[in-house]
Amino acid sequence: MLKGLKNRMEEFDDNSVQIYLSKKRKMVIRNRYQIIGYLNDILLGILYMIGSILFVTDSDRILAVSFFLAGSFLMIFRAIINILRDIHLKRFTKEDFQEHNY
């Protein structure tokens, strides 16, 4: 399934991706780092909610703390996503340097 999805993906901008869903429909992701950040926030909220429910009930405390720990790692990952969104590295050729007189 992932190979088929990769074949239908077309990159058309530095931060944008087009995914053809059918002949008449396509999904455009304009800022992939922001989308990854949103998905991370959703997962973070789910983990903390499950950890809170397990912590309040009389279930296993180790399992509840594990969910909180996983949520904490996602908070760190969230900061890394924001850094990566703001820092972009691009490979230049010799011609690029000659054109711009770097």
Protein backbone atom coordinates (compact mmCIF):
# COMPACT_ATOMS: atom_id res chain seq x y z
CA MET A 1 0.00 0.00 0.00
CA LEU A 2 2.84 2.42 0.79
CA LYS A 3 4.45 1.80 -2.60
CA GLY A 4 1.19 2.71 -4.32
CA LEU A 5 0.91 5.85 -2.22
CA LYS A 6 4.49 6.86 -3.03
CA ASN A 7 3.75 6.42 -6.73
CA ARG A 8 0.78 8.77 -6.42
CA MET A 9 2.71 11.44 -4.54
CA GLU A 10 4.12 14.37 -6.43
CA GLU A 11 6.23 16.97 -4.73
CA PHE A 12 5.59 20.42 -6.22
CA ASP A 13 6.98 22.84 -3.64
CA ASP A 14 9.59 22.77 -0.90
CA ASN A 15 6.93 22.33 1.79
CA SER A 16 4.01 20.97 -0.23
CA VAL A 17 3.02 17.50 -1.36
CA GLN A 18 0.22 16.39 -3.69
CA ILE A 19 -1.26 12.93 -3.24
CA TYR A 20 -3.59 11.75 -6.01
CA LEU A 21 -6.49 9.88 -4.40
CA SER A 22 -8.33 9.18 -7.66
CA LYS A 23 -8.50 10.59 -11.17
CA LYS A 24 -10.56 13.58 -10.01
CA ARG A 25 -9.38 14.04 -6.42
CA LYS A 26 -6.08 14.90 -4.87
CA MET A 27 -4.97 15.87 -1.40
CA VAL A 28 -2.58 18.81 -1.07
CA ILE A 29 -0.47 19.12 2.06
CA ARG A 30 0.96 22.64 2.08
CA ASN A 31 3.14 22.48 5.16
CA ARG A 32 4.06 18.92 6.06
CA TYR A 33 5.87 19.89 9.26
CA GLN A 34 2.74 21.58 10.55
CA ILE A 35 0.64 18.50 9.73
CA ILE A 36 3.15 16.27 11.54
CA GLY A 37 2.96 18.65 14.49
CA TYR A 38 -0.84 18.43 14.56
CA LEU A 39 -0.77 14.63 14.44
CA ASN A 40 1.81 14.64 17.23
CA ASP A 41 -0.43 16.90 19.35
CA ILE A 42 -3.42 14.58 18.81
CA LEU A 43 -1.39 11.54 19.84
CA LEU A 44 0.03 13.46 22.81
CA GLY A 45 -3.47 14.36 24.00
CA ILE A 46 -4.68 10.76 23.62
CA LEU A 47 -1.74 9.40 25.62
CA TYR A 48 -2.21 11.91 28.42
CA MET A 49 -5.97 11.26 28.54
CA ILE A 50 -5.43 7.48 28.80
CA GLY A 51 -2.71 8.02 31.42
CA SER A 52 -5.02 10.27 33.43
CA ILE A 53 -7.90 7.79 33.32
CA LEU A 54 -5.61 4.93 34.36
CA PHE A 55 -4.08 7.05 37.13
CA VAL A 56 -7.47 7.99 38.60
CA THR A 57 -8.84 4.44 38.52
CA ASP A 58 -7.36 1.62 40.57
CA SER A 59 -5.54 0.14 37.60
CA ASP A 60 -1.83 -0.54 37.33
CA ARG A 61 0.16 2.61 38.22
CA ILE A 62 3.15 1.53 36.11
CA LEU A 63 0.97 1.46 33.00
CA ALA A 64 -0.45 4.90 33.80
CA VAL A 65 3.00 6.38 34.35
CA SER A 66 4.15 4.78 31.07
CA PHE A 67 1.48 6.74 29.18
CA PHE A 68 2.57 9.96 30.88
CA LEU A 69 6.20 9.18 30.01
CA ALA A 70 5.29 8.55 26.36
CA GLY A 71 3.41 11.86 26.32
CA SER A 72 6.48 13.60 27.71
CA PHE A 73 8.61 12.21 24.90
CA LEU A 74 6.05 13.52 22.40
CA MET A 75 6.35 16.97 23.97
CA ILE A 76 10.09 16.86 23.28
CA PHE A 77 9.38 15.63 19.75
CA ARG A 78 6.98 18.57 19.32
CA ALA A 79 9.81 21.02 20.01
CA ILE A 80 12.03 19.19 17.52
CA ILE A 81 9.29 19.40 14.87
CA ASN A 82 9.04 23.17 15.41
CA ILE A 83 12.81 23.53 15.06
CA LEU A 84 12.85 21.45 11.87
CA ARG A 85 9.99 23.50 10.45
CA ASP A 86 12.01 26.68 10.82
CA ILE A 87 15.39 25.32 9.68
CA HIS A 88 15.74 24.06 6.12
CA LEU A 89 18.94 22.84 4.57
CA LYS A 90 19.31 22.89 0.82
CA ARG A 91 22.04 21.40 -1.31
CA PHE A 92 23.66 23.84 -3.73
CA THR A 93 25.66 23.05 -6.83
CA LYS A 94 28.70 24.93 -8.05
CA GLU A 95 26.52 26.71 -10.59
CA ASP A 96 24.26 28.03 -7.84
CA PHE A 97 27.25 29.56 -6.08
CA GLN A 98 28.51 31.11 -9.31
CA GLU A 99 25.12 32.60 -10.18
CA HIS A 100 24.65 34.22 -6.77
CA ASN A 101 28.31 35.15 -6.15
CA TYR A 102 28.53 33.51 -2.72
